[in-house]
Amino acid sequence: MKFSSSSYLVKEGLKNIWNNRMMSLASIIVLVSCLIITGAASLLSLNVSKLIAGIGDDNQINVYLDYNLSDIDSIKLGSTISKIKNVDECIFYSKDEGIKEFKDKLGNDLYQSMQGDENPLGNVYKVRLKDLSDYKHTIDQIKNIDGVMSISDRAAIARTLTKLNYFVTLVGFWVVLILGVVTLFIISNTIKMTMYSRRFEISIMKSVGATNAFVRIPFIIEAMSIGLIAGLISSISLICIYNPVRETAGNMISMIGTSTIPLEDIWLQILLLFSGSGILIGAIGGFISITKYLRKEGGEILGW
């Protein structure tokens, strides 16, 4: 009978240890997910803000001319643009120069087939403005010139990026809030299961005069350890994928490469902030579950 009771206690003990480890793993996975989503949204928002600021500081626009406009007519059109009061500089950029930028991507055969009259691009003027406060009026004046097909309206890009920034911030907030609640719930349950499996140890500690504060310490440390591990995993993950994502985006949109935040400027902040956030979330989740357990369930089970 004693052997049977011992075997039962061993099985229950191993079962509790296994359950605790699984709950700890679940806590880490959910917290890592939460921190990665939060970090990705924050980094995207910071980079979009920098892009918007860069667009605001850049007073150059591209004026794309009609495809059928000859080089001579394109050059004449440049003098018309230069006469606009707010135009500081007007530089001609031929379609032959434009197609050269795509030589590596097109390959030599396709590049050669797009020379002369087969060139699908149009001539471009790079126009620098004197005063950005008169931006819209100057753009309207250039658009009204015959032969101008379109203009790279950077103000429109800025407005689009601002909307994207707002959307990312809003969605990120709600996702983080929901995952944060889920994380606190799982961490709380992890600590409660740990306390339940050690209820007899806690009972002995209480019987020799240990205070609730003293009992809380090891469990809060365990919760903080879970948070720290999750913080390190999430920060290292973001640091590893940041540059590849940045380079890919830069290849797709040329202005992104030079206008985003370099990894070397932020990697340490990411590491410290995520580790600290993980520890804080773990401490809060652990404290809540321990306090509730000690006041209600723990008291009933241990007969305090």
Foldseek 3Di string as FASTA:
>chain_A
DVVVVVVVLVVVLVVLVVVLVVLLVVLLVLLLVLLLLLVVLVQLLQLLVLLLVVLVVAQKKKWFFDAPDDPVNVVVVQVVLCPPPFWDDKAKAALLNVLVVCDVVCDPVSSVCCPDNNPPGTIMIITGTNDCVCVVVSLVVSVPDPGTDDMPDSVVVSVVSVVVSVVSVVVSVVSSVVSLVVSLVSLLVSLLSVCVSCLVVVLVCVVVPHDLVNVLVVSLVVLLVSLLVSLQVNLVVCLVCVVVVQVVVCVVPVSSNVRHDDSVVCSVVSSVVSNVVSSVSSNVSSVVSSVVCVVPVSCVVSVD
